[in-house]
Amino acid sequence: MARITVDYFSAALMRTTTLDVILPVDNTGDAMALDYNLRHNNQSHVGAPYPVRKGPFKTLFLLHGITGNHTDFISETRIRALAEDHNLAVIMPSGYNAFYLDHPETHNYYGRFVGQELVEVARAMFPLSQRREDTFIGGVSMGAYGALRNGLNYCENFGAIISLSSAMVVEGFDRIISDDLFFLSRPFLESTFGDLDHVVDSDKDPGRLAADIVYCDRPRPRVFMAVGNQDPLAPANRYLADRMRGTGIDVTYREMNGGHDWHLWNEALQQAIDWLPL
């Protein structure tokens, strides 16, 4: 299992950005088996072919939460072992604190970055499947919102979406605004989402995007949603799951014991990857 850190210049962000990549091109067991055979059959190691897995690999684009970066899943989860077990490539970008939305005024097109550009760039760099059915997007918290919004908005690119404890900051802003946390303050929310009175039924609203997909007969990604039963975001996630199901989108929804933290996301990530068509 190879871990690769990539710096490349993004057209969507107009700057160099960093990705972490997990690529199942090698396997410890395969290498040890080759070494055993060479040693016990009195063969020379010189010129012996290394047992490389060539792909093309099914791929999960995995988005971190607020205050995080491209290393979060490596440091906080079992994603390397899960990827190896499922022969799955994983691409983990840095999304900063922008909720993976486009901000044209500063040329930070985070939505276009994860929904379109990153898919194309990763396929050009690595032996990844070109098929929509083999391409997935997921995330935790802010990243779960980004996965839902961009997985639906760019539904031609993704066959499945994983949303773990989605930060569903889409409606009822007045109930959550607080200066105790910067990401719940009105200035931050307005700079991220624009006019808060016009977010519902806009292209920032996953429920609206799901309805548009069905109405326009675009490809329908399957959706996996999980949230902790002690998470304040559980009611909003439950409501969104019902809303998307009502449009005709295939949604698997699970409420699990726990809160809004890596303990729950580790367990939920295992379930989500098992759910993927791998």
C-alpha atoms as a PDB file:
ATOM      1  CA  MET A   1       0.000   0.000   0.000  1.00  0.00           C
ATOM      2  CA  ALA A   2       1.698   3.159  -1.214  1.00  0.00           C
ATOM      3  CA  ARG A   3       1.132   6.535   0.433  1.00  0.00           C
ATOM      4  CA  ILE A   4       1.974   9.473  -1.801  1.00  0.00           C
ATOM      5  CA  THR A   5       1.920  13.204  -1.083  1.00  0.00           C
ATOM      6  CA  VAL A   6       1.298  15.337  -4.166  1.00  0.00           C
ATOM      7  CA  ASP A   7       1.755  19.074  -4.662  1.00  0.00           C
ATOM      8  CA  TYR A   8       0.248  20.415  -7.876  1.00  0.00           C
ATOM      9  CA  PHE A   9      -0.951  23.748  -9.220  1.00  0.00           C
ATOM     10  CA  SER A  10      -4.744  23.884  -9.252  1.00  0.00           C
ATOM     11  CA  ALA A  11      -6.596  25.912 -11.881  1.00  0.00           C
ATOM     12  CA  ALA A  12      -9.687  25.996  -9.650  1.00  0.00           C
ATOM     13  CA  LEU A  13      -7.740  27.479  -6.726  1.00  0.00           C
ATOM     14  CA  MET A  14      -4.980  29.271  -8.676  1.00  0.00           C
ATOM     15  CA  ARG A  15      -2.280  28.061  -6.311  1.00  0.00           C
ATOM     16  CA  THR A  16      -0.354  24.979  -5.360  1.00  0.00           C
ATOM     17  CA  THR A  17      -2.382  22.579  -3.245  1.00  0.00           C
ATOM     18  CA  THR A  18      -1.537  19.318  -1.493  1.00  0.00           C
ATOM     19  CA  LEU A  19      -3.125  15.864  -1.653  1.00  0.00           C
ATOM     20  CA  ASP A  20      -2.485  12.654   0.212  1.00  0.00           C
ATOM     21  CA  VAL A  21      -3.002   9.555  -1.940  1.00  0.00           C
ATOM     22  CA  ILE A  22      -3.334   5.921  -0.918  1.00  0.00           C
ATOM     23  CA  LEU A  23      -2.679   3.634  -3.874  1.00  0.00           C
ATOM     24  CA  PRO A  24      -2.974  -0.165  -3.592  1.00  0.00           C
ATOM     25  CA  VAL A  25      -0.172  -0.878  -6.064  1.00  0.00           C
ATOM     26  CA  ASP A  26       1.778  -3.071  -3.642  1.00  0.00           C
ATOM     27  CA  ASN A  27       0.996  -5.604  -0.958  1.00  0.00           C
ATOM     28  CA  THR A  28       3.155  -6.866   1.907  1.00  0.00           C
ATOM     29  CA  GLY A  29       1.871 -10.401   1.563  1.00  0.00           C
ATOM     30  CA  ASP A  30       2.629 -10.523  -2.166  1.00  0.00           C
ATOM     31  CA  ALA A  31       6.158  -9.231  -1.613  1.00  0.00           C
ATOM     32  CA  MET A  32       6.895 -11.715   1.170  1.00  0.00           C
ATOM     33  CA  ALA A  33       5.538 -14.592  -0.920  1.00  0.00           C
ATOM     34  CA  LEU A  34       7.799 -13.587  -3.814  1.00  0.00           C
ATOM     35  CA  ASP A  35      10.802 -13.370  -1.501  1.00  0.00           C
ATOM     36  CA  TYR A  36      10.013 -16.779   0.009  1.00  0.00           C
ATOM     37  CA  ASN A  37       9.752 -18.427  -3.405  1.00  0.00           C
ATOM     38  CA  LEU A  38      13.002 -16.884  -4.594  1.00  0.00           C
ATOM     39  CA  ARG A  39      14.904 -17.955  -1.490  1.00  0.00           C
ATOM     40  CA  HIS A  40      13.522 -21.493  -1.300  1.00  0.00           C
ATOM     41  CA  ASN A  41      13.800 -22.222  -5.019  1.00  0.00           C
ATOM     42  CA  ASN A  42      17.410 -21.027  -5.192  1.00  0.00           C
ATOM     43  CA  GLN A  43      16.487 -18.321  -7.670  1.00  0.00           C
ATOM     44  CA  SER A  44      18.307 -15.048  -8.105  1.00  0.00           C
ATOM     45  CA  HIS A  45      16.578 -11.871  -6.943  1.00  0.00           C
ATOM     46  CA  VAL A  46      18.140 -10.056  -9.882  1.00  0.00           C
ATOM     47  CA  GLY A  47      15.482  -9.294 -12.454  1.00  0.00           C
ATOM     48  CA  ALA A  48      12.689 -10.836 -10.396  1.00  0.00           C
ATOM     49  CA  PRO A  49       9.391  -9.022 -11.149  1.00  0.00           C
ATOM     50  CA  TYR A  50       7.819  -7.251  -8.201  1.00  0.00           C
ATOM     51  CA  PRO A  51       4.114  -8.249  -7.930  1.00  0.00           C
ATOM     52  CA  VAL A  52       2.567  -4.863  -8.658  1.00  0.00           C
ATOM     53  CA  ARG A  53      -1.192  -4.407  -8.798  1.00  0.00           C
ATOM     54  CA  LYS A  54      -1.815  -2.367 -11.934  1.00  0.00           C
ATOM     55  CA  GLY A  55      -5.426  -1.257 -11.608  1.00  0.00           C
ATOM     56  CA  PRO A  56      -7.418   0.543 -12.809  1.00  0.00           C
ATOM     57  CA  PHE A  57      -8.497   1.115  -9.230  1.00  0.00           C
ATOM     58  CA  LYS A  58     -11.868   2.114  -7.889  1.00  0.00           C
ATOM     59  CA  THR A  59     -11.419   5.449  -6.144  1.00  0.00           C
ATOM     60  CA  LEU A  60     -12.763   7.293  -3.089  1.00  0.00           C
ATOM     61  CA  PHE A  61     -12.241  11.060  -2.831  1.00  0.00           C
ATOM     62  CA  LEU A  62     -12.310  11.731   0.923  1.00  0.00           C
ATOM     63  CA  LEU A  63     -12.887  15.225   2.360  1.00  0.00           C
ATOM     64  CA  HIS A  64     -11.805  16.371   5.829  1.00  0.00           C
ATOM     65  CA  GLY A  65     -13.801  18.467   8.283  1.00  0.00           C
ATOM     66  CA  ILE A  66     -13.386  22.044   9.434  1.00  0.00           C
ATOM     67  CA  THR A  67      -9.918  23.037  10.755  1.00  0.00           C
ATOM     68  CA  GLY A  68      -8.520  19.853   9.171  1.00  0.00           C
ATOM     69  CA  ASN A  69      -6.295  19.085   6.211  1.00  0.00           C
ATOM     70  CA  HIS A  70      -5.257  16.306   3.841  1.00  0.00           C
ATOM     71  CA  THR A  71      -3.535  14.297   6.611  1.00  0.00           C
ATOM     72  CA  ASP A  72      -6.558  13.896   8.910  1.00  0.00           C
ATOM     73  CA  PHE A  73      -7.720  10.490   7.713  1.00  0.00           C
ATOM     74  CA  ILE A  74      -4.190   9.075   7.755  1.00  0.00           C
ATOM     75  CA  SER A  75      -3.630  10.158  11.361  1.00  0.00           C
ATOM     76  CA  GLU A  76      -7.119   9.573  12.773  1.00  0.00           C
ATOM     77  CA  THR A  77      -8.565   6.524  10.963  1.00  0.00           C
ATOM     78  CA  ARG A  78      -7.756   3.066   9.623  1.00  0.00           C
ATOM     79  CA  ILE A  79      -8.144   4.261   6.054  1.00  0.00           C
ATOM     80  CA  ARG A  80      -4.871   2.661   4.886  1.00  0.00           C
ATOM     81  CA  ALA A  81      -5.912  -0.788   6.116  1.00  0.00           C
ATOM     82  CA  LEU A  82      -9.434  -0.360   4.745  1.00  0.00           C
ATOM     83  CA  ALA A  83      -8.092   0.702   1.350  1.00  0.00           C
ATOM     84  CA  GLU A  84      -5.723  -2.267   1.243  1.00  0.00           C
ATOM     85  CA  ASP A  85      -8.455  -4.718   2.260  1.00  0.00           C
ATOM     86  CA  HIS A  86     -10.739  -3.437  -0.512  1.00  0.00           C
ATOM     87  CA  ASN A  87      -8.117  -2.710  -3.202  1.00  0.00           C
ATOM     88  CA  LEU A  88      -9.350   0.885  -3.175  1.00  0.00           C
ATOM     89  CA  ALA A  89      -7.468   4.065  -4.104  1.00  0.00           C
ATOM     90  CA  VAL A  90      -8.150   7.035  -1.808  1.00  0.00           C
ATOM     91  CA  ILE A  91      -7.519  10.694  -2.695  1.00  0.00           C
ATOM     92  CA  MET A  92      -7.509  13.157   0.232  1.00  0.00           C
ATOM     93  CA  PRO A  93      -7.262  16.887  -0.629  1.00  0.00           C
ATOM     94  CA  SER A  94      -7.011  19.943   1.579  1.00  0.00           C
ATOM     95  CA  GLY A  95     -10.254  21.915   1.510  1.00  0.00           C
ATOM     96  CA  TYR A  96      -9.413  24.561   4.124  1.00  0.00           C
ATOM     97  CA  ASN A  97     -12.480  25.956   5.950  1.00  0.00           C
ATOM     98  CA  ALA A  98     -14.558  26.778   2.879  1.00  0.00           C
ATOM     99  CA  PHE A  99     -17.205  24.017   3.099  1.00  0.00           C
ATOM    100  CA  TYR A 100     -16.067  22.918  -0.385  1.00  0.00           C
ATOM    101  CA  LEU A 101     -18.099  25.691  -2.005  1.00  0.00           C
ATOM    102  CA  ASP A 102     -17.104  28.043  -4.825  1.00  0.00           C
ATOM    103  CA  HIS A 103     -15.986  31.560  -3.893  1.00  0.00           C
ATOM    104  CA  PRO A 104     -15.508  33.362  -7.225  1.00  0.00           C
ATOM    105  CA  GLU A 105     -14.574  36.701  -5.643  1.00  0.00           C
ATOM    106  CA  THR A 106     -11.312  35.181  -4.344  1.00  0.00           C
ATOM    107  CA  HIS A 107     -10.924  32.607  -7.137  1.00  0.00           C
ATOM    108  CA  ASN A 108     -11.357  29.755  -4.675  1.00  0.00           C
ATOM    109  CA  TYR A 109     -13.577  27.343  -6.589  1.00  0.00           C
ATOM    110  CA  TYR A 110     -13.517  24.567  -3.993  1.00  0.00           C
ATOM    111  CA  GLY A 111     -16.657  22.922  -5.380  1.00  0.00           C
ATOM    112  CA  ARG A 112     -15.241  22.718  -8.888  1.00  0.00           C
ATOM    113  CA  PHE A 113     -11.922  21.617  -7.394  1.00  0.00           C
ATOM    114  CA  VAL A 114     -13.253  18.484  -5.655  1.00  0.00           C
ATOM    115  CA  GLY A 115     -16.192  17.821  -7.968  1.00  0.00           C
ATOM    116  CA  GLN A 116     -14.466  18.063 -11.353  1.00  0.00           C
ATOM    117  CA  GLU A 117     -10.806  19.078 -11.472  1.00  0.00           C
ATOM    118  CA  LEU A 118      -9.503  16.675  -8.846  1.00  0.00           C
ATOM    119  CA  VAL A 119     -11.181  13.701 -10.534  1.00  0.00           C
ATOM    120  CA  GLU A 120      -9.527  14.574 -13.847  1.00  0.00           C
ATOM    121  CA  VAL A 121      -6.114  15.341 -12.331  1.00  0.00           C
ATOM    122  CA  ALA A 122      -6.009  12.172 -10.210  1.00  0.00           C
ATOM    123  CA  ARG A 123      -6.956  10.017 -13.194  1.00  0.00           C
ATOM    124  CA  ALA A 124      -4.172  11.610 -15.224  1.00  0.00           C
ATOM    125  CA  MET A 125      -1.610  10.945 -12.466  1.00  0.00           C
ATOM    126  CA  PHE A 126      -2.590   7.446 -11.308  1.00  0.00           C
ATOM    127  CA  PRO A 127      -4.052   4.187 -12.707  1.00  0.00           C
ATOM    128  CA  LEU A 128      -7.614   4.937 -11.626  1.00  0.00           C
ATOM    129  CA  SER A 129     -10.823   3.717 -13.180  1.00  0.00           C
ATOM    130  CA  GLN A 130     -12.404   6.184 -15.597  1.00  0.00           C
ATOM    131  CA  ARG A 131     -15.893   4.844 -14.849  1.00  0.00           C
ATOM    132  CA  ARG A 132     -18.408   6.889 -12.881  1.00  0.00           C
ATOM    133  CA  GLU A 133     -19.608   3.666 -11.240  1.00  0.00           C
ATOM    134  CA  ASP A 134     -16.112   3.155  -9.771  1.00  0.00           C
ATOM    135  CA  THR A 135     -15.694   6.724  -8.486  1.00  0.00           C
ATOM    136  CA  PHE A 136     -16.947   7.801  -5.066  1.00  0.00           C
ATOM    137  CA  ILE A 137     -16.830  10.905  -2.852  1.00  0.00           C
ATOM    138  CA  GLY A 138     -17.176  11.089   0.918  1.00  0.00           C
ATOM    139  CA  GLY A 139     -16.250  13.048   3.990  1.00  0.00           C
ATOM    140  CA  VAL A 140     -16.806  13.855   7.652  1.00  0.00           C
ATOM    141  CA  SER A 141     -18.630  16.883   9.090  1.00  0.00           C
ATOM    142  CA  MET A 142     -17.840  19.834   6.792  1.00  0.00           C
ATOM    143  CA  GLY A 143     -16.380  17.299   4.359  1.00  0.00           C
ATOM    144  CA  ALA A 144     -19.598  15.274   4.494  1.00  0.00           C
ATOM    145  CA  TYR A 145     -21.528  18.378   3.460  1.00  0.00           C
ATOM    146  CA  GLY A 146     -18.960  18.967   0.707  1.00  0.00           C
ATOM    147  CA  ALA A 147     -19.341  15.369  -0.475  1.00  0.00           C
ATOM    148  CA  LEU A 148     -23.134  15.634  -0.587  1.00  0.00           C
ATOM    149  CA  ARG A 149     -23.197  19.013  -2.275  1.00  0.00           C
ATOM    150  CA  ASN A 150     -20.548  18.234  -4.870  1.00  0.00           C
ATOM    151  CA  GLY A 151     -21.391  14.570  -5.313  1.00  0.00           C
ATOM    152  CA  LEU A 152     -24.899  15.653  -6.307  1.00  0.00           C
ATOM    153  CA  ASN A 153     -23.868  18.771  -8.213  1.00  0.00           C
ATOM    154  CA  TYR A 154     -21.321  16.748 -10.229  1.00  0.00           C
ATOM    155  CA  CYS A 155     -23.393  13.570 -10.314  1.00  0.00           C
ATOM    156  CA  GLU A 156     -21.969  12.597 -13.731  1.00  0.00           C
ATOM    157  CA  ASN A 157     -18.636  11.974 -11.986  1.00  0.00           C
ATOM    158  CA  PHE A 158     -19.677   9.977  -8.900  1.00  0.00           C
ATOM    159  CA  GLY A 159     -21.535   6.722  -8.479  1.00  0.00           C
ATOM    160  CA  ALA A 160     -21.817   6.920  -4.685  1.00  0.00           C
ATOM    161  CA  ILE A 161     -21.591   9.454  -1.860  1.00  0.00           C
ATOM    162  CA  ILE A 162     -20.557   8.869   1.772  1.00  0.00           C
ATOM    163  CA  SER A 163     -21.732  11.430   4.332  1.00  0.00           C
ATOM    164  CA  LEU A 164     -20.582  10.958   7.938  1.00  0.00           C
ATOM    165  CA  SER A 165     -22.097  13.469  10.386  1.00  0.00           C
ATOM    166  CA  SER A 166     -22.782  16.051   7.724  1.00  0.00           C
ATOM    167  CA  ALA A 167     -22.499  19.647   8.944  1.00  0.00           C
ATOM    168  CA  MET A 168     -25.900  20.520   7.541  1.00  0.00           C
ATOM    169  CA  VAL A 169     -25.610  24.284   7.765  1.00  0.00           C
ATOM    170  CA  VAL A 170     -28.334  24.883   5.216  1.00  0.00           C
ATOM    171  CA  GLU A 171     -31.342  26.179   7.075  1.00  0.00           C
ATOM    172  CA  GLY A 172     -32.268  27.503  10.500  1.00  0.00           C
ATOM    173  CA  PHE A 173     -29.154  29.649  10.699  1.00  0.00           C
ATOM    174  CA  ASP A 174     -30.650  31.861  13.390  1.00  0.00           C
ATOM    175  CA  ARG A 175     -30.834  28.843  15.720  1.00  0.00           C
ATOM    176  CA  ILE A 176     -27.138  28.037  15.427  1.00  0.00           C
ATOM    177  CA  ILE A 177     -25.398  31.414  15.100  1.00  0.00           C
ATOM    178  CA  SER A 178     -22.984  31.907  17.986  1.00  0.00           C
ATOM    179  CA  ASP A 179     -19.784  33.889  18.442  1.00  0.00           C
ATOM    180  CA  ASP A 180     -18.375  31.187  20.721  1.00  0.00           C
ATOM    181  CA  LEU A 181     -17.095  29.278  17.665  1.00  0.00           C
ATOM    182  CA  PHE A 182     -15.801  31.105  14.598  1.00  0.00           C
ATOM    183  CA  PHE A 183     -17.547  28.731  12.185  1.00  0.00           C
ATOM    184  CA  LEU A 184     -20.921  29.470  13.811  1.00  0.00           C
ATOM    185  CA  SER A 185     -20.503  33.242  13.741  1.00  0.00           C
ATOM    186  CA  ARG A 186     -22.607  35.268  11.339  1.00  0.00           C
ATOM    187  CA  PRO A 187     -19.610  36.812   9.521  1.00  0.00           C
ATOM    188  CA  PHE A 188     -18.123  33.380   8.823  1.00  0.00           C
ATOM    189  CA  LEU A 189     -21.410  31.849   7.690  1.00  0.00           C
ATOM    190  CA  GLU A 190     -22.217  34.804   5.436  1.00  0.00           C
ATOM    191  CA  SER A 191     -18.732  34.785   3.908  1.00  0.00           C
ATOM    192  CA  THR A 192     -19.100  31.054   3.231  1.00  0.00           C
ATOM    193  CA  PHE A 193     -22.735  30.676   2.150  1.00  0.00           C
ATOM    194  CA  GLY A 194     -23.668  34.210   1.073  1.00  0.00           C
ATOM    195  CA  ASP A 195     -27.089  35.587   1.966  1.00  0.00           C
ATOM    196  CA  LEU A 196     -28.313  33.150   4.617  1.00  0.00           C
ATOM    197  CA  ASP A 197     -31.945  33.769   3.641  1.00  0.00           C
ATOM    198  CA  HIS A 198     -31.321  32.326   0.173  1.00  0.00           C
ATOM    199  CA  VAL A 199     -29.401  29.118   0.923  1.00  0.00           C
ATOM    200  CA  VAL A 200     -32.429  26.801   1.040  1.00  0.00           C
ATOM    201  CA  ASP A 201     -33.416  25.702  -2.488  1.00  0.00           C
ATOM    202  CA  SER A 202     -30.162  27.091  -3.897  1.00  0.00           C
ATOM    203  CA  ASP A 203     -27.281  25.118  -5.410  1.00  0.00           C
ATOM    204  CA  LYS A 204     -25.843  24.930  -1.869  1.00  0.00           C
ATOM    205  CA  ASP A 205     -28.807  22.845  -0.698  1.00  0.00           C
ATOM    206  CA  PRO A 206     -28.304  19.064  -1.179  1.00  0.00           C
ATOM    207  CA  GLY A 207     -32.037  18.436  -0.968  1.00  0.00           C
ATOM    208  CA  ARG A 208     -32.675  20.810  -3.846  1.00  0.00           C
ATOM    209  CA  LEU A 209     -29.822  19.286  -5.876  1.00  0.00           C
ATOM    210  CA  ALA A 210     -31.240  15.791  -5.341  1.00  0.00           C
ATOM    211  CA  ALA A 211     -34.622  16.928  -6.634  1.00  0.00           C
ATOM    212  CA  ASP A 212     -33.001  18.574  -9.660  1.00  0.00           C
ATOM    213  CA  ILE A 213     -31.132  15.366 -10.524  1.00  0.00           C
ATOM    214  CA  VAL A 214     -34.333  13.355 -10.598  1.00  0.00           C
ATOM    215  CA  TYR A 215     -36.327  16.035 -12.411  1.00  0.00           C
ATOM    216  CA  CYS A 216     -33.638  16.466 -15.087  1.00  0.00           C
ATOM    217  CA  ASP A 217     -33.046  12.696 -15.376  1.00  0.00           C
ATOM    218  CA  ARG A 218     -29.340  12.988 -14.568  1.00  0.00           C
ATOM    219  CA  PRO A 219     -27.329  10.064 -13.114  1.00  0.00           C
ATOM    220  CA  ARG A 220     -28.365   9.302  -9.540  1.00  0.00           C
ATOM    221  CA  PRO A 221     -25.568   8.605  -7.050  1.00  0.00           C
ATOM    222  CA  ARG A 222     -26.380   6.221  -4.232  1.00  0.00           C
ATOM    223  CA  VAL A 223     -25.956   7.851  -0.802  1.00  0.00           C
ATOM    224  CA  PHE A 224     -24.728   6.465   2.527  1.00  0.00           C
ATOM    225  CA  MET A 225     -25.378   8.687   5.557  1.00  0.00           C
ATOM    226  CA  ALA A 226     -24.360   8.019   9.168  1.00  0.00           C
ATOM    227  CA  VAL A 227     -24.550  10.250  12.230  1.00  0.00           C
ATOM    228  CA  GLY A 228     -24.217   9.836  15.988  1.00  0.00           C
ATOM    229  CA  ASN A 229     -27.403   9.717  18.041  1.00  0.00           C
ATOM    230  CA  GLN A 230     -25.792  12.194  20.480  1.00  0.00           C
ATOM    231  CA  ASP A 231     -24.774  14.586  17.719  1.00  0.00           C
ATOM    232  CA  PRO A 232     -26.736  17.885  17.658  1.00  0.00           C
ATOM    233  CA  LEU A 233     -26.686  17.530  13.850  1.00  0.00           C
ATOM    234  CA  ALA A 234     -28.633  14.236  13.927  1.00  0.00           C
ATOM    235  CA  PRO A 235     -32.105  15.791  13.360  1.00  0.00           C
ATOM    236  CA  ALA A 236     -30.872  17.787  10.353  1.00  0.00           C
ATOM    237  CA  ASN A 237     -29.207  14.698   8.864  1.00  0.00           C
ATOM    238  CA  ARG A 238     -32.341  12.613   9.417  1.00  0.00           C
ATOM    239  CA  TYR A 239     -34.467  15.285   7.761  1.00  0.00           C
ATOM    240  CA  LEU A 240     -32.160  15.514   4.755  1.00  0.00           C
ATOM    241  CA  ALA A 241     -32.111  11.722   4.313  1.00  0.00           C
ATOM    242  CA  ASP A 242     -35.920  11.675   4.254  1.00  0.00           C
ATOM    243  CA  ARG A 243     -36.007  14.629   1.894  1.00  0.00           C
ATOM    244  CA  MET A 244     -33.614  12.996  -0.578  1.00  0.00           C
ATOM    245  CA  ARG A 245     -35.457   9.676  -0.393  1.00  0.00           C
ATOM    246  CA  GLY A 246     -38.623  11.574  -1.234  1.00  0.00           C
ATOM    247  CA  THR A 247     -37.085  12.698  -4.526  1.00  0.00           C
ATOM    248  CA  GLY A 248     -36.211   9.134  -5.532  1.00  0.00           C
ATOM    249  CA  ILE A 249     -32.514   9.061  -4.528  1.00  0.00           C
ATOM    250  CA  ASP A 250     -31.354   5.742  -3.000  1.00  0.00           C
ATOM    251  CA  VAL A 251     -30.290   6.651   0.571  1.00  0.00           C
ATOM    252  CA  THR A 252     -28.935   4.316   3.253  1.00  0.00           C
ATOM    253  CA  TYR A 253     -29.212   6.117   6.595  1.00  0.00           C
ATOM    254  CA  ARG A 254     -27.828   4.944   9.947  1.00  0.00           C
ATOM    255  CA  GLU A 255     -27.856   6.528  13.392  1.00  0.00           C
ATOM    256  CA  MET A 256     -25.073   5.112  15.532  1.00  0.00           C
ATOM    257  CA  ASN A 257     -24.165   5.368  19.211  1.00  0.00           C
ATOM    258  CA  GLY A 258     -21.865   8.327  19.647  1.00  0.00           C
ATOM    259  CA  GLY A 259     -21.271  11.983  18.985  1.00  0.00           C
ATOM    260  CA  HIS A 260     -19.450  14.167  16.481  1.00  0.00           C
ATOM    261  CA  ASP A 261     -15.949  12.734  16.695  1.00  0.00           C
ATOM    262  CA  TRP A 262     -13.367  10.347  15.262  1.00  0.00           C
ATOM    263  CA  HIS A 263     -14.520   7.480  17.461  1.00  0.00           C
ATOM    264  CA  LEU A 264     -17.801   7.388  15.581  1.00  0.00           C
ATOM    265  CA  TRP A 265     -16.250   8.200  12.188  1.00  0.00           C
ATOM    266  CA  ASN A 266     -13.836   5.277  12.410  1.00  0.00           C
ATOM    267  CA  GLU A 267     -16.700   2.843  12.911  1.00  0.00           C
ATOM    268  CA  ALA A 268     -18.894   4.562  10.326  1.00  0.00           C
ATOM    269  CA  LEU A 269     -16.102   4.686   7.736  1.00  0.00           C
ATOM    270  CA  GLN A 270     -15.703   0.905   7.975  1.00  0.00           C
ATOM    271  CA  GLN A 271     -19.445   0.450   7.399  1.00  0.00           C
ATOM    272  CA  ALA A 272     -19.480   2.953   4.528  1.00  0.00           C
ATOM    273  CA  ILE A 273     -16.594   1.310   2.661  1.00  0.00           C
ATOM    274  CA  ASP A 274     -18.210  -2.097   3.159  1.00  0.00           C
ATOM    275  CA  TRP A 275     -21.346  -0.565   1.606  1.00  0.00           C
ATOM    276  CA  LEU A 276     -19.532   0.630  -1.522  1.00  0.00           C
ATOM    277  CA  PRO A 277     -19.811  -1.567  -4.633  1.00  0.00           C
ATOM    278  CA  LEU A 278     -16.226  -2.897  -4.445  1.00  0.00           C
END
